Amino acid sequence: MTYNIKILGLILLSLIALTIGSTTDLFGKVFPYLINSKQDTTKDNNQSSAPITTKNFDVVVYGDELQGVCAAIWAKKTLGEEGKVALVRSNSVDEPLGGLLTRGGLAFLDYDKTNWYNQPVAQCFRDFLNKSQVVVSCLAAEQAEQAMAEMLAEAGVSIINDSPLMPQVENQAIQYVDIPQSNVRLQANSYIDTTQDAELARKAGLAYYRGYESQSPELANETLAVSLVPLITGLTIADLRAIETQIFSNGDLMKQIETNIRENTDAEGARFWLSNFRVPLYKSSPDGYYHKSIAFGVAYKLHRNLPFGLKGFFLDKSNICLLPDNSLSWNGLLFK
């Protein structure tokens, strides 16, 4: 099991490095802000006295998730050549366009199980998959960003970066939105909020869906788990198969894993987690892989002397993408 432990340890070190890097970046942003707060206040006061520049659009879309990109493109196509549509985002021009699929690093595409592909509303997503050169399941962030930028340019949608919006509301309707740091005002006939957390709607005090409420009112409090999606280099699919084979072939370890699961969850939960218990890493598509067995993740917990459970860190049945540069995008690390 030495080889197994070393490789699993490398995965954890990748996570630690990712977390430390994120924390260091946060400190780098916080301390300069504290030091320069007085200067920023002076600058804001000077800006507030400057004249406001008003820009008019038919539609303003706030948020650069793929849903926002598609909403902006379809609005422009619907309005025609004379229509004016802007995609506004709070991110700087240097930050990748695309939200979860680029900045979030979510490479494995979890398609809807319904017949979505033949629906008219899926056309933009199909165009995006083609431009991003997705084989079946996996998306490279750089190609995703380039595809979205090209689609917006081809449609004639304006992109406004580094522009958090402040709405002005009258009679439960947004009249206009301001970009305070640039003294720009955007006026539009329609405003579409496609941010992850309904940022514009919340600021405006307007109604918005929570959780999965748009699918059913009973799902308002249901959300997805938080997950880092690390990119792992130096580890191959063959390596993962070898580790899993070592786990499966160790009868004592497999018994420990099963016992640990049964002792720390109810009967229904045990049936769920132990399904496909001895099924090896599955190639779900030419570019994607899926851990059908939970044995891999629980073996790591046992190695760390931790009981089976969803609290804290948990290595779920993972979706794994093999990206063009041979790195592995690992979607299955949960934190609660």
C-alpha atoms as a PDB file:
ATOM      1  CA  MET A   1       0.000   0.000   0.000  1.00  0.00           C
ATOM      2  CA  THR A   2       3.068   2.336   0.076  1.00  0.00           C
ATOM      3  CA  TYR A   3       2.542   3.372  -3.544  1.00  0.00           C
ATOM      4  CA  ASN A   4      -1.119   3.913  -2.834  1.00  0.00           C
ATOM      5  CA  ILE A   5      -0.415   6.131   0.186  1.00  0.00           C
ATOM      6  CA  LYS A   6       2.163   8.237  -1.652  1.00  0.00           C
ATOM      7  CA  ILE A   7      -0.131   8.988  -4.574  1.00  0.00           C
ATOM      8  CA  LEU A   8      -3.094   9.762  -2.356  1.00  0.00           C
ATOM      9  CA  GLY A   9      -0.823  12.015  -0.315  1.00  0.00           C
ATOM     10  CA  LEU A  10       0.137  13.895  -3.468  1.00  0.00           C
ATOM     11  CA  ILE A  11      -3.531  14.591  -4.145  1.00  0.00           C
ATOM     12  CA  LEU A  12      -3.937  16.069  -0.646  1.00  0.00           C
ATOM     13  CA  LEU A  13      -0.775  18.171  -1.054  1.00  0.00           C
ATOM     14  CA  SER A  14      -2.227  19.566  -4.275  1.00  0.00           C
ATOM     15  CA  LEU A  15      -5.298  20.670  -2.339  1.00  0.00           C
ATOM     16  CA  ILE A  16      -3.213  22.232   0.441  1.00  0.00           C
ATOM     17  CA  ALA A  17      -1.135  24.126  -2.096  1.00  0.00           C
ATOM     18  CA  LEU A  18      -4.282  25.336  -3.809  1.00  0.00           C
ATOM     19  CA  THR A  19      -5.778  26.485  -0.516  1.00  0.00           C
ATOM     20  CA  ILE A  20      -2.576  28.248   0.608  1.00  0.00           C
ATOM     21  CA  GLY A  21      -2.284  29.940  -2.770  1.00  0.00           C
ATOM     22  CA  SER A  22      -5.843  31.206  -2.505  1.00  0.00           C
ATOM     23  CA  THR A  23      -5.251  32.457   1.055  1.00  0.00           C
ATOM     24  CA  THR A  24      -2.021  34.220   0.099  1.00  0.00           C
ATOM     25  CA  ASP A  25      -3.791  35.923  -2.763  1.00  0.00           C
ATOM     26  CA  LEU A  26      -6.506  37.048  -0.345  1.00  0.00           C
ATOM     27  CA  PHE A  27      -3.936  38.609   2.025  1.00  0.00           C
ATOM     28  CA  GLY A  28      -2.368  40.362  -0.935  1.00  0.00           C
ATOM     29  CA  LYS A  29      -5.714  41.924  -1.724  1.00  0.00           C
ATOM     30  CA  VAL A  30      -6.779  42.761   1.834  1.00  0.00           C
ATOM     31  CA  PHE A  31      -3.665  44.498   3.181  1.00  0.00           C
ATOM     32  CA  PRO A  32      -3.137  46.883   0.233  1.00  0.00           C
ATOM     33  CA  TYR A  33      -6.827  47.751   0.568  1.00  0.00           C
ATOM     34  CA  LEU A  34      -6.348  48.663   4.246  1.00  0.00           C
ATOM     35  CA  ILE A  35      -3.222  50.691   3.515  1.00  0.00           C
ATOM     36  CA  ASN A  36      -4.747  52.550   0.586  1.00  0.00           C
ATOM     37  CA  SER A  37      -8.254  52.975   1.998  1.00  0.00           C
ATOM     38  CA  LYS A  38      -7.716  56.680   2.684  1.00  0.00           C
ATOM     39  CA  GLN A  39      -6.435  57.237  -0.854  1.00  0.00           C
ATOM     40  CA  ASP A  40      -9.375  55.293  -2.293  1.00  0.00           C
ATOM     41  CA  THR A  41     -11.833  57.403  -0.278  1.00  0.00           C
ATOM     42  CA  THR A  42     -10.302  60.587  -1.664  1.00  0.00           C
ATOM     43  CA  LYS A  43     -10.500  59.185  -5.178  1.00  0.00           C
ATOM     44  CA  ASP A  44     -14.155  58.205  -4.690  1.00  0.00           C
ATOM     45  CA  ASN A  45     -14.979  61.722  -3.471  1.00  0.00           C
ATOM     46  CA  ASN A  46     -13.346  63.213  -6.555  1.00  0.00           C
ATOM     47  CA  GLN A  47     -15.240  60.793  -8.805  1.00  0.00           C
ATOM     48  CA  SER A  48     -18.578  61.608  -7.201  1.00  0.00           C
ATOM     49  CA  SER A  49     -18.245  65.215  -8.339  1.00  0.00           C
ATOM     50  CA  ALA A  50     -17.472  64.215 -11.942  1.00  0.00           C
ATOM     51  CA  PRO A  51     -20.304  64.266 -14.492  1.00  0.00           C
ATOM     52  CA  ILE A  52     -22.141  60.999 -15.121  1.00  0.00           C
ATOM     53  CA  THR A  53     -21.905  59.476 -18.588  1.00  0.00           C
ATOM     54  CA  THR A  54     -25.102  57.685 -19.614  1.00  0.00           C
ATOM     55  CA  LYS A  55     -25.028  54.758 -22.031  1.00  0.00           C
ATOM     56  CA  ASN A  56     -28.237  53.331 -23.457  1.00  0.00           C
ATOM     57  CA  PHE A  57     -28.907  49.692 -24.279  1.00  0.00           C
ATOM     58  CA  ASP A  58     -31.931  47.596 -25.069  1.00  0.00           C
ATOM     59  CA  VAL A  59     -30.772  44.809 -22.747  1.00  0.00           C
ATOM     60  CA  VAL A  60     -28.151  44.708 -19.984  1.00  0.00           C
ATOM     61  CA  VAL A  61     -27.059  41.246 -18.821  1.00  0.00           C
ATOM     62  CA  TYR A  62     -25.190  41.163 -15.510  1.00  0.00           C
ATOM     63  CA  GLY A  63     -22.870  38.199 -14.940  1.00  0.00           C
ATOM     64  CA  ASP A  64     -20.577  36.270 -17.274  1.00  0.00           C
ATOM     65  CA  GLU A  65     -21.570  32.681 -16.535  1.00  0.00           C
ATOM     66  CA  LEU A  66     -22.317  30.712 -19.701  1.00  0.00           C
ATOM     67  CA  GLN A  67     -26.026  31.299 -19.049  1.00  0.00           C
ATOM     68  CA  GLY A  68     -25.394  35.052 -19.158  1.00  0.00           C
ATOM     69  CA  VAL A  69     -23.335  34.782 -22.320  1.00  0.00           C
ATOM     70  CA  CYS A  70     -26.134  32.837 -24.024  1.00  0.00           C
ATOM     71  CA  ALA A  71     -28.802  35.241 -22.743  1.00  0.00           C
ATOM     72  CA  ALA A  72     -26.884  38.194 -24.196  1.00  0.00           C
ATOM     73  CA  ILE A  73     -26.302  36.467 -27.540  1.00  0.00           C
ATOM     74  CA  TRP A  74     -29.938  35.425 -27.893  1.00  0.00           C
ATOM     75  CA  ALA A  75     -31.163  38.896 -26.934  1.00  0.00           C
ATOM     76  CA  LYS A  76     -28.973  40.413 -29.651  1.00  0.00           C
ATOM     77  CA  LYS A  77     -30.124  37.891 -32.253  1.00  0.00           C
ATOM     78  CA  THR A  78     -33.754  38.544 -31.324  1.00  0.00           C
ATOM     79  CA  LEU A  79     -33.382  42.334 -31.495  1.00  0.00           C
ATOM     80  CA  GLY A  80     -31.498  42.251 -34.772  1.00  0.00           C
ATOM     81  CA  GLU A  81     -28.789  44.474 -36.158  1.00  0.00           C
ATOM     82  CA  GLU A  82     -30.092  47.662 -34.534  1.00  0.00           C
ATOM     83  CA  GLY A  83     -30.391  46.105 -31.068  1.00  0.00           C
ATOM     84  CA  LYS A  84     -27.895  47.109 -28.387  1.00  0.00           C
ATOM     85  CA  VAL A  85     -26.956  44.501 -25.782  1.00  0.00           C
ATOM     86  CA  ALA A  86     -24.264  44.692 -23.090  1.00  0.00           C
ATOM     87  CA  LEU A  87     -22.787  41.896 -20.988  1.00  0.00           C
ATOM     88  CA  VAL A  88     -21.571  43.504 -17.753  1.00  0.00           C
ATOM     89  CA  ARG A  89     -19.328  41.785 -15.209  1.00  0.00           C
ATOM     90  CA  SER A  90     -17.625  42.872 -12.008  1.00  0.00           C
ATOM     91  CA  ASN A  91     -14.419  41.027 -12.941  1.00  0.00           C
ATOM     92  CA  SER A  92     -11.414  42.830 -14.381  1.00  0.00           C
ATOM     93  CA  VAL A  93     -10.450  42.451 -18.020  1.00  0.00           C
ATOM     94  CA  ASP A  94      -7.527  40.225 -16.948  1.00  0.00           C
ATOM     95  CA  GLU A  95      -9.811  37.646 -15.315  1.00  0.00           C
ATOM     96  CA  PRO A  96     -11.082  34.846 -17.562  1.00  0.00           C
ATOM     97  CA  LEU A  97     -14.529  35.250 -19.038  1.00  0.00           C
ATOM     98  CA  GLY A  98     -16.959  32.497 -18.128  1.00  0.00           C
ATOM     99  CA  GLY A  99     -17.339  32.073 -14.366  1.00  0.00           C
ATOM    100  CA  LEU A 100     -17.724  28.509 -13.119  1.00  0.00           C
ATOM    101  CA  LEU A 101     -16.440  26.873 -16.302  1.00  0.00           C
ATOM    102  CA  THR A 102     -13.268  28.983 -16.477  1.00  0.00           C
ATOM    103  CA  ARG A 103     -12.397  30.745 -13.220  1.00  0.00           C
ATOM    104  CA  GLY A 104     -14.004  27.876 -11.284  1.00  0.00           C
ATOM    105  CA  GLY A 105     -12.199  25.218 -13.311  1.00  0.00           C
ATOM    106  CA  LEU A 106     -15.230  22.934 -13.691  1.00  0.00           C
ATOM    107  CA  ALA A 107     -14.056  20.786 -16.608  1.00  0.00           C
ATOM    108  CA  PHE A 108     -16.462  17.826 -16.377  1.00  0.00           C
ATOM    109  CA  LEU A 109     -19.822  18.699 -17.952  1.00  0.00           C
ATOM    110  CA  ASP A 110     -22.711  17.075 -16.095  1.00  0.00           C
ATOM    111  CA  TYR A 111     -25.361  16.951 -18.808  1.00  0.00           C
ATOM    112  CA  ASP A 112     -29.061  16.971 -18.023  1.00  0.00           C
ATOM    113  CA  LYS A 113     -30.592  13.504 -18.303  1.00  0.00           C
ATOM    114  CA  THR A 114     -33.571  14.886 -20.245  1.00  0.00           C
ATOM    115  CA  ASN A 115     -33.685  15.258 -24.024  1.00  0.00           C
ATOM    116  CA  TRP A 116     -32.085  18.708 -23.754  1.00  0.00           C
ATOM    117  CA  TYR A 117     -29.989  18.437 -26.894  1.00  0.00           C
ATOM    118  CA  ASN A 118     -32.925  18.725 -29.301  1.00  0.00           C
ATOM    119  CA  GLN A 119     -34.580  21.648 -27.507  1.00  0.00           C
ATOM    120  CA  PRO A 120     -34.400  25.044 -29.302  1.00  0.00           C
ATOM    121  CA  VAL A 121     -33.065  26.688 -26.135  1.00  0.00           C
ATOM    122  CA  ALA A 122     -30.023  24.385 -26.279  1.00  0.00           C
ATOM    123  CA  GLN A 123     -28.689  25.861 -29.522  1.00  0.00           C
ATOM    124  CA  CYS A 124     -26.341  28.311 -27.783  1.00  0.00           C
ATOM    125  CA  PHE A 125     -24.944  25.540 -25.574  1.00  0.00           C
ATOM    126  CA  ARG A 126     -24.418  23.304 -28.613  1.00  0.00           C
ATOM    127  CA  ASP A 127     -22.596  26.155 -30.376  1.00  0.00           C
ATOM    128  CA  PHE A 128     -20.432  26.623 -27.286  1.00  0.00           C
ATOM    129  CA  LEU A 129     -19.522  22.912 -27.133  1.00  0.00           C
ATOM    130  CA  ASN A 130     -18.515  22.969 -30.799  1.00  0.00           C
ATOM    131  CA  LYS A 131     -16.402  26.114 -30.484  1.00  0.00           C
ATOM    132  CA  SER A 132     -14.753  24.782 -27.310  1.00  0.00           C
ATOM    133  CA  GLN A 133     -13.846  21.562 -29.163  1.00  0.00           C
ATOM    134  CA  VAL A 134     -15.420  19.399 -26.470  1.00  0.00           C
ATOM    135  CA  VAL A 135     -15.139  15.719 -27.419  1.00  0.00           C
ATOM    136  CA  VAL A 136     -17.973  14.540 -25.153  1.00  0.00           C
ATOM    137  CA  SER A 137     -17.656  15.377 -21.461  1.00  0.00           C
ATOM    138  CA  CYS A 138     -14.611  17.520 -20.738  1.00  0.00           C
ATOM    139  CA  LEU A 139     -13.899  21.205 -21.212  1.00  0.00           C
ATOM    140  CA  ALA A 140     -10.529  22.985 -21.138  1.00  0.00           C
ATOM    141  CA  ALA A 141     -10.864  26.398 -19.438  1.00  0.00           C
ATOM    142  CA  GLU A 142      -8.728  28.273 -21.994  1.00  0.00           C
ATOM    143  CA  GLN A 143     -10.767  26.939 -24.908  1.00  0.00           C
ATOM    144  CA  ALA A 144     -14.010  27.736 -23.075  1.00  0.00           C
ATOM    145  CA  GLU A 145     -12.987  31.364 -22.519  1.00  0.00           C
ATOM    146  CA  GLN A 146     -11.929  31.792 -26.136  1.00  0.00           C
ATOM    147  CA  ALA A 147     -15.174  30.244 -27.386  1.00  0.00           C
ATOM    148  CA  MET A 148     -17.367  32.565 -25.290  1.00  0.00           C
ATOM    149  CA  ALA A 149     -15.401  35.651 -26.332  1.00  0.00           C
ATOM    150  CA  GLU A 150     -15.709  34.710 -30.019  1.00  0.00           C
ATOM    151  CA  MET A 151     -19.447  34.009 -29.724  1.00  0.00           C
ATOM    152  CA  LEU A 152     -20.090  37.386 -28.073  1.00  0.00           C
ATOM    153  CA  ALA A 153     -18.005  39.208 -30.687  1.00  0.00           C
ATOM    154  CA  GLU A 154     -19.746  37.431 -33.569  1.00  0.00           C
ATOM    155  CA  ALA A 155     -23.154  38.343 -32.132  1.00  0.00           C
ATOM    156  CA  GLY A 156     -22.166  41.995 -31.631  1.00  0.00           C
ATOM    157  CA  VAL A 157     -22.577  42.059 -27.843  1.00  0.00           C
ATOM    158  CA  SER A 158     -20.634  44.731 -25.917  1.00  0.00           C
ATOM    159  CA  ILE A 159     -18.588  43.514 -22.918  1.00  0.00           C
ATOM    160  CA  ILE A 160     -18.149  45.905 -19.981  1.00  0.00           C
ATOM    161  CA  ASN A 161     -15.513  44.719 -17.482  1.00  0.00           C
ATOM    162  CA  ASP A 162     -14.668  45.731 -13.915  1.00  0.00           C
ATOM    163  CA  SER A 163     -18.144  47.141 -13.359  1.00  0.00           C
ATOM    164  CA  PRO A 164     -20.127  46.115 -10.265  1.00  0.00           C
ATOM    165  CA  LEU A 165     -23.604  47.563 -10.696  1.00  0.00           C
ATOM    166  CA  MET A 166     -25.736  49.621  -8.297  1.00  0.00           C
ATOM    167  CA  PRO A 167     -29.413  49.636  -9.314  1.00  0.00           C
ATOM    168  CA  GLN A 168     -31.886  52.495  -8.935  1.00  0.00           C
ATOM    169  CA  VAL A 169     -35.358  51.074  -8.286  1.00  0.00           C
ATOM    170  CA  GLU A 170     -38.791  52.671  -8.544  1.00  0.00           C
ATOM    171  CA  ASN A 171     -42.122  50.843  -8.277  1.00  0.00           C
ATOM    172  CA  GLN A 172     -40.426  47.448  -8.035  1.00  0.00           C
ATOM    173  CA  ALA A 173     -38.560  47.953 -11.307  1.00  0.00           C
ATOM    174  CA  ILE A 174     -34.952  48.858 -12.093  1.00  0.00           C
ATOM    175  CA  GLN A 175     -34.855  52.291 -13.756  1.00  0.00           C
ATOM    176  CA  TYR A 176     -31.100  52.321 -14.400  1.00  0.00           C
ATOM    177  CA  VAL A 177     -27.849  50.937 -13.013  1.00  0.00           C
ATOM    178  CA  ASP A 178     -24.742  52.883 -12.043  1.00  0.00           C
ATOM    179  CA  ILE A 179     -21.076  51.902 -12.206  1.00  0.00           C
ATOM    180  CA  PRO A 180     -19.842  54.094  -9.306  1.00  0.00           C
ATOM    181  CA  GLN A 181     -16.079  53.894  -9.862  1.00  0.00           C
ATOM    182  CA  SER A 182     -16.335  55.058 -13.475  1.00  0.00           C
ATOM    183  CA  ASN A 183     -19.299  57.449 -13.164  1.00  0.00           C
ATOM    184  CA  VAL A 184     -21.124  55.571 -15.903  1.00  0.00           C
ATOM    185  CA  ARG A 185     -24.875  55.000 -15.905  1.00  0.00           C
ATOM    186  CA  LEU A 186     -26.470  52.238 -17.962  1.00  0.00           C
ATOM    187  CA  GLN A 187     -30.095  52.567 -18.991  1.00  0.00           C
ATOM    188  CA  ALA A 188     -31.923  49.673 -20.612  1.00  0.00           C
ATOM    189  CA  ASN A 189     -35.393  48.376 -21.329  1.00  0.00           C
ATOM    190  CA  SER A 190     -34.543  45.035 -19.702  1.00  0.00           C
ATOM    191  CA  TYR A 191     -32.040  43.840 -17.100  1.00  0.00           C
ATOM    192  CA  ILE A 192     -31.095  40.173 -16.754  1.00  0.00           C
ATOM    193  CA  ASP A 193     -29.268  38.953 -13.637  1.00  0.00           C
ATOM    194  CA  THR A 194     -27.201  35.830 -14.360  1.00  0.00           C
ATOM    195  CA  THR A 195     -24.801  36.052 -11.418  1.00  0.00           C
ATOM    196  CA  GLN A 196     -24.340  32.993  -9.217  1.00  0.00           C
ATOM    197  CA  ASP A 197     -25.869  34.681  -6.157  1.00  0.00           C
ATOM    198  CA  ALA A 198     -28.512  36.968  -7.715  1.00  0.00           C
ATOM    199  CA  GLU A 199     -26.323  39.997  -6.934  1.00  0.00           C
ATOM    200  CA  LEU A 200     -28.292  42.575  -8.914  1.00  0.00           C
ATOM    201  CA  ALA A 201     -31.705  41.325  -7.772  1.00  0.00           C
ATOM    202  CA  ARG A 202     -30.629  41.368  -4.123  1.00  0.00           C
ATOM    203  CA  LYS A 203     -29.240  44.901  -4.369  1.00  0.00           C
ATOM    204  CA  ALA A 204     -32.477  46.003  -6.013  1.00  0.00           C
ATOM    205  CA  GLY A 205     -34.611  44.320  -3.351  1.00  0.00           C
ATOM    206  CA  LEU A 206     -36.420  42.315  -6.012  1.00  0.00           C
ATOM    207  CA  ALA A 207     -37.618  38.706  -5.907  1.00  0.00           C
ATOM    208  CA  TYR A 208     -35.290  35.923  -7.027  1.00  0.00           C
ATOM    209  CA  TYR A 209     -35.143  32.138  -6.873  1.00  0.00           C
ATOM    210  CA  ARG A 210     -33.171  30.431  -4.091  1.00  0.00           C
ATOM    211  CA  GLY A 211     -31.487  27.047  -4.424  1.00  0.00           C
ATOM    212  CA  TYR A 212     -33.449  24.885  -6.859  1.00  0.00           C
ATOM    213  CA  GLU A 213     -36.656  26.833  -6.290  1.00  0.00           C
ATOM    214  CA  SER A 214     -37.018  27.489 -10.025  1.00  0.00           C
ATOM    215  CA  GLN A 215     -37.599  23.743 -10.461  1.00  0.00           C
ATOM    216  CA  SER A 216     -39.849  23.316  -7.422  1.00  0.00           C
ATOM    217  CA  PRO A 217     -40.787  25.535  -4.433  1.00  0.00           C
ATOM    218  CA  GLU A 218     -39.904  22.619  -2.152  1.00  0.00           C
ATOM    219  CA  LEU A 219     -36.265  22.815  -3.295  1.00  0.00           C
ATOM    220  CA  ALA A 220     -35.604  26.413  -2.194  1.00  0.00           C
ATOM    221  CA  ASN A 221     -33.150  25.296   0.500  1.00  0.00           C
ATOM    222  CA  GLU A 222     -31.392  22.664  -1.621  1.00  0.00           C
ATOM    223  CA  THR A 223     -27.975  23.642  -2.941  1.00  0.00           C
ATOM    224  CA  LEU A 224     -24.893  22.003  -4.411  1.00  0.00           C
ATOM    225  CA  ALA A 225     -21.927  21.133  -2.212  1.00  0.00           C
ATOM    226  CA  VAL A 226     -18.846  23.369  -2.288  1.00  0.00           C
ATOM    227  CA  SER A 227     -15.977  21.763  -4.172  1.00  0.00           C
ATOM    228  CA  LEU A 228     -12.457  22.637  -5.204  1.00  0.00           C
ATOM    229  CA  VAL A 229     -11.570  21.296  -8.652  1.00  0.00           C
ATOM    230  CA  PRO A 230      -7.795  20.774  -8.644  1.00  0.00           C
ATOM    231  CA  LEU A 231      -5.707  20.157 -11.745  1.00  0.00           C
ATOM    232  CA  ILE A 232      -3.297  17.298 -11.104  1.00  0.00           C
ATOM    233  CA  THR A 233      -0.147  16.745 -13.168  1.00  0.00           C
ATOM    234  CA  GLY A 234       2.258  13.818 -13.011  1.00  0.00           C
ATOM    235  CA  LEU A 235      -0.554  11.342 -12.341  1.00  0.00           C
ATOM    236  CA  THR A 236      -2.079   9.262 -15.131  1.00  0.00           C
ATOM    237  CA  ILE A 237      -5.284   7.289 -15.541  1.00  0.00           C
ATOM    238  CA  ALA A 238      -3.115   4.153 -15.520  1.00  0.00           C
ATOM    239  CA  ASP A 239      -1.745   5.212 -12.112  1.00  0.00           C
ATOM    240  CA  LEU A 240      -5.274   5.640 -10.755  1.00  0.00           C
ATOM    241  CA  ARG A 241      -6.305   2.234 -12.061  1.00  0.00           C
ATOM    242  CA  ALA A 242      -3.248   0.666 -10.397  1.00  0.00           C
ATOM    243  CA  ILE A 243      -4.084   2.285  -7.037  1.00  0.00           C
ATOM    244  CA  GLU A 244      -7.689   1.151  -7.230  1.00  0.00           C
ATOM    245  CA  THR A 245      -6.621  -2.387  -8.146  1.00  0.00           C
ATOM    246  CA  GLN A 246      -4.423  -2.500  -5.040  1.00  0.00           C
ATOM    247  CA  ILE A 247      -7.384  -1.429  -2.906  1.00  0.00           C
ATOM    248  CA  PHE A 248      -9.804  -3.929  -4.486  1.00  0.00           C
ATOM    249  CA  SER A 249      -7.332  -6.808  -4.155  1.00  0.00           C
ATOM    250  CA  ASN A 250      -6.768  -6.154  -0.432  1.00  0.00           C
ATOM    251  CA  GLY A 251      -9.570  -8.172   1.172  1.00  0.00           C
ATOM    252  CA  ASP A 252      -8.958  -6.890   4.695  1.00  0.00           C
ATOM    253  CA  LEU A 253      -8.991  -3.267   3.553  1.00  0.00           C
ATOM    254  CA  MET A 254     -12.224  -3.728   1.588  1.00  0.00           C
ATOM    255  CA  LYS A 255     -13.870  -5.256   4.682  1.00  0.00           C
ATOM    256  CA  GLN A 256     -12.682  -2.292   6.784  1.00  0.00           C
ATOM    257  CA  ILE A 257     -14.108   0.143   4.233  1.00  0.00           C
ATOM    258  CA  GLU A 258     -17.486  -1.609   4.157  1.00  0.00           C
ATOM    259  CA  THR A 259     -17.658  -1.845   7.963  1.00  0.00           C
ATOM    260  CA  ASN A 260     -16.720   1.826   8.334  1.00  0.00           C
ATOM    261  CA  ILE A 261     -19.512   2.869   5.979  1.00  0.00           C
ATOM    262  CA  ARG A 262     -22.152   0.711   7.674  1.00  0.00           C
ATOM    263  CA  GLU A 263     -21.161   1.925  11.147  1.00  0.00           C
ATOM    264  CA  ASN A 264     -21.355   5.601  10.214  1.00  0.00           C
ATOM    265  CA  THR A 265     -24.547   5.814   8.169  1.00  0.00           C
ATOM    266  CA  ASP A 266     -28.047   4.359   8.154  1.00  0.00           C
ATOM    267  CA  ALA A 267     -29.146   1.319   6.134  1.00  0.00           C
ATOM    268  CA  GLU A 268     -30.433   3.367   3.198  1.00  0.00           C
ATOM    269  CA  GLY A 269     -27.238   5.414   3.078  1.00  0.00           C
ATOM    270  CA  ALA A 270     -25.104   2.272   3.237  1.00  0.00           C
ATOM    271  CA  ARG A 271     -26.962   0.786   0.265  1.00  0.00           C
ATOM    272  CA  PHE A 272     -26.316   3.958  -1.710  1.00  0.00           C
ATOM    273  CA  TRP A 273     -22.617   4.227  -0.909  1.00  0.00           C
ATOM    274  CA  LEU A 274     -21.911   0.517  -1.345  1.00  0.00           C
ATOM    275  CA  SER A 275     -23.546   0.317  -4.773  1.00  0.00           C
ATOM    276  CA  ASN A 276     -20.961  -0.546  -7.450  1.00  0.00           C
ATOM    277  CA  PHE A 277     -18.559  -1.161  -4.567  1.00  0.00           C
ATOM    278  CA  ARG A 278     -16.197  -3.339  -6.626  1.00  0.00           C
ATOM    279  CA  VAL A 279     -16.695  -1.715 -10.027  1.00  0.00           C
ATOM    280  CA  PRO A 280     -13.377  -0.255 -11.279  1.00  0.00           C
ATOM    281  CA  LEU A 281     -12.730   3.221 -12.680  1.00  0.00           C
ATOM    282  CA  TYR A 282     -15.147   3.584 -15.574  1.00  0.00           C
ATOM    283  CA  LYS A 283     -14.404   5.321 -18.864  1.00  0.00           C
ATOM    284  CA  SER A 284     -17.697   7.160 -19.308  1.00  0.00           C
ATOM    285  CA  SER A 285     -16.650   8.895 -22.547  1.00  0.00           C
ATOM    286  CA  PRO A 286     -13.546   9.218 -24.760  1.00  0.00           C
ATOM    287  CA  ASP A 287     -12.329  12.092 -22.564  1.00  0.00           C
ATOM    288  CA  GLY A 288     -13.972  11.420 -19.185  1.00  0.00           C
ATOM    289  CA  TYR A 289     -13.735   8.909 -16.348  1.00  0.00           C
ATOM    290  CA  TYR A 290     -15.906   8.122 -13.354  1.00  0.00           C
ATOM    291  CA  HIS A 291     -15.189   6.450 -10.012  1.00  0.00           C
ATOM    292  CA  LYS A 292     -18.258   4.232  -9.604  1.00  0.00           C
ATOM    293  CA  SER A 293     -16.911   2.794  -6.347  1.00  0.00           C
ATOM    294  CA  ILE A 294     -16.542   4.800  -3.135  1.00  0.00           C
ATOM    295  CA  ALA A 295     -13.669   2.534  -2.027  1.00  0.00           C
ATOM    296  CA  PHE A 296     -10.996   4.930  -3.319  1.00  0.00           C
ATOM    297  CA  GLY A 297     -12.226   7.851  -1.213  1.00  0.00           C
ATOM    298  CA  VAL A 298     -12.924   5.865   1.954  1.00  0.00           C
ATOM    299  CA  ALA A 299      -9.506   4.163   1.754  1.00  0.00           C
ATOM    300  CA  TYR A 300      -7.952   7.602   2.014  1.00  0.00           C
ATOM    301  CA  LYS A 301     -10.110   8.443   5.055  1.00  0.00           C
ATOM    302  CA  LEU A 302      -9.009   5.219   6.752  1.00  0.00           C
ATOM    303  CA  HIS A 303      -5.393   6.061   5.963  1.00  0.00           C
ATOM    304  CA  ARG A 304      -5.932   9.362   7.815  1.00  0.00           C
ATOM    305  CA  ASN A 305      -7.699   7.565  10.708  1.00  0.00           C
ATOM    306  CA  LEU A 306     -10.947   9.377   9.932  1.00  0.00           C
ATOM    307  CA  PRO A 307     -14.420   7.805  10.060  1.00  0.00           C
ATOM    308  CA  PHE A 308     -16.617   7.699   6.981  1.00  0.00           C
ATOM    309  CA  GLY A 309     -18.857  10.757   6.764  1.00  0.00           C
ATOM    310  CA  LEU A 310     -19.706  13.854   4.748  1.00  0.00           C
ATOM    311  CA  LYS A 311     -18.509  16.406   7.306  1.00  0.00           C
ATOM    312  CA  GLY A 312     -15.315  18.273   6.602  1.00  0.00           C
ATOM    313  CA  PHE A 313     -13.335  16.915   3.665  1.00  0.00           C
ATOM    314  CA  PHE A 314     -14.710  14.040   1.614  1.00  0.00           C
ATOM    315  CA  LEU A 315     -13.459  12.386  -1.586  1.00  0.00           C
ATOM    316  CA  ASP A 316     -16.672  11.463  -3.393  1.00  0.00           C
ATOM    317  CA  LYS A 317     -17.209   9.194  -6.391  1.00  0.00           C
ATOM    318  CA  SER A 318     -15.238  11.475  -8.680  1.00  0.00           C
ATOM    319  CA  ASN A 319     -15.657  12.632 -12.252  1.00  0.00           C
ATOM    320  CA  ILE A 320     -12.208  12.934 -13.820  1.00  0.00           C
ATOM    321  CA  CYS A 321     -11.313  14.730 -17.047  1.00  0.00           C
ATOM    322  CA  LEU A 322      -8.229  13.975 -19.089  1.00  0.00           C
ATOM    323  CA  LEU A 323      -7.396  17.393 -20.564  1.00  0.00           C
ATOM    324  CA  PRO A 324      -5.413  18.086 -23.767  1.00  0.00           C
ATOM    325  CA  ASP A 325      -2.208  18.802 -21.786  1.00  0.00           C
ATOM    326  CA  ASN A 326      -2.569  15.375 -20.050  1.00  0.00           C
ATOM    327  CA  SER A 327      -3.438  16.960 -16.699  1.00  0.00           C
ATOM    328  CA  LEU A 328      -6.357  15.523 -14.726  1.00  0.00           C
ATOM    329  CA  SER A 329      -9.234  17.738 -13.608  1.00  0.00           C
ATOM    330  CA  TRP A 330     -10.679  16.101 -10.494  1.00  0.00           C
ATOM    331  CA  ASN A 331     -14.313  16.885  -9.681  1.00  0.00           C
ATOM    332  CA  GLY A 332     -15.293  15.102  -6.481  1.00  0.00           C
ATOM    333  CA  LEU A 333     -13.656  16.828  -3.511  1.00  0.00           C
ATOM    334  CA  LEU A 334     -16.445  17.962  -1.210  1.00  0.00           C
ATOM    335  CA  PHE A 335     -16.327  20.277   1.802  1.00  0.00           C
ATOM    336  CA  LYS A 336     -19.171  20.750   4.260  1.00  0.00           C
END
